[in-house]
Amino acid sequence: MKIVNVITHAFVGDLNHPASNSRSIWMTREGTLLQLVDELGNVGQGEASPLPDFSTDLPGLCETTLGNLEPSSFPVFDITGDVLAQVQQSLSLVDLNAPAARFALETALLDLFGQRLDVPIAALLRSRPHRDPIALSSVIFSEDKIGALAETEAIWERGIRNVKIKIGRIHRFDRELEMIEAVRERFGKDLAIRADVNGAWDLIEAQEKLEALTPFDLEYVEQPVVPYLLLKL
């Protein structure tokens, strides 16, 4: 398999609903779509859409990094060989400090291999032929119980039974408790609820608020404090 063309498209799109956590709010997403074309005309696609302040690379860096890739940079791939080893070796074309760009490259190559071998990408990643399925999860970004219930209802209808609710916004904990309580009461124990604070609490806050969350049987609370304080909880 030979890469004969590399195409990149920078994009910016408005979100249907604003997404936020305790630190940021996003109205749009931007990134770069990478397309790798092989000698048979197959197109493998990957996307680099890093979040500002949450990744070491930015959309502009991804666009430049991926735009610098040339077909001649790639080896000729052996589709009968070790797919993951060949993909891993090709990741050296992108700097380690650009993880989103590396993800786009990895995904595009796996997409191409999957097309050539007529298997889904998931099959290429399996270490055993039959593995237990991984349950899907979805993030709830709403800041009130009405919105959270509506989001969870839509997720439930899709068959998803795991949600992560973003909390930790300043002076909003009472509303966040109401939101979690409403979701738990509506969907019961059949729904796994997780919470993500994004390190917004200090130690005293975390101890008090984790105690307040106990009655709602959360599966876990992610990053209640910044990493260096975790061992002090």
Foldseek 3Di string as FASTA:
>chain_A
DAFDDKDKDKDKAADPDWFDFQPDIDGIWIAMKIWTAGPVGDIFIFIQTDDPPPALDHRVVLRVLSVPDDSVLADDDDLVDLQVVRLVVSLVSGDPRRVSSSRGSSRRSLRVSCVVVVHDSVCSPDPDNDDDDDADEEEQRDLAQVSLQVVVVVVVVVVHQEYEYHDQHPPRLVRVLVNLVSNCVVPPPSHAYEYENPANDDPVVLVVSVVVCVVSPHPYYHNVHPVVCVVVD
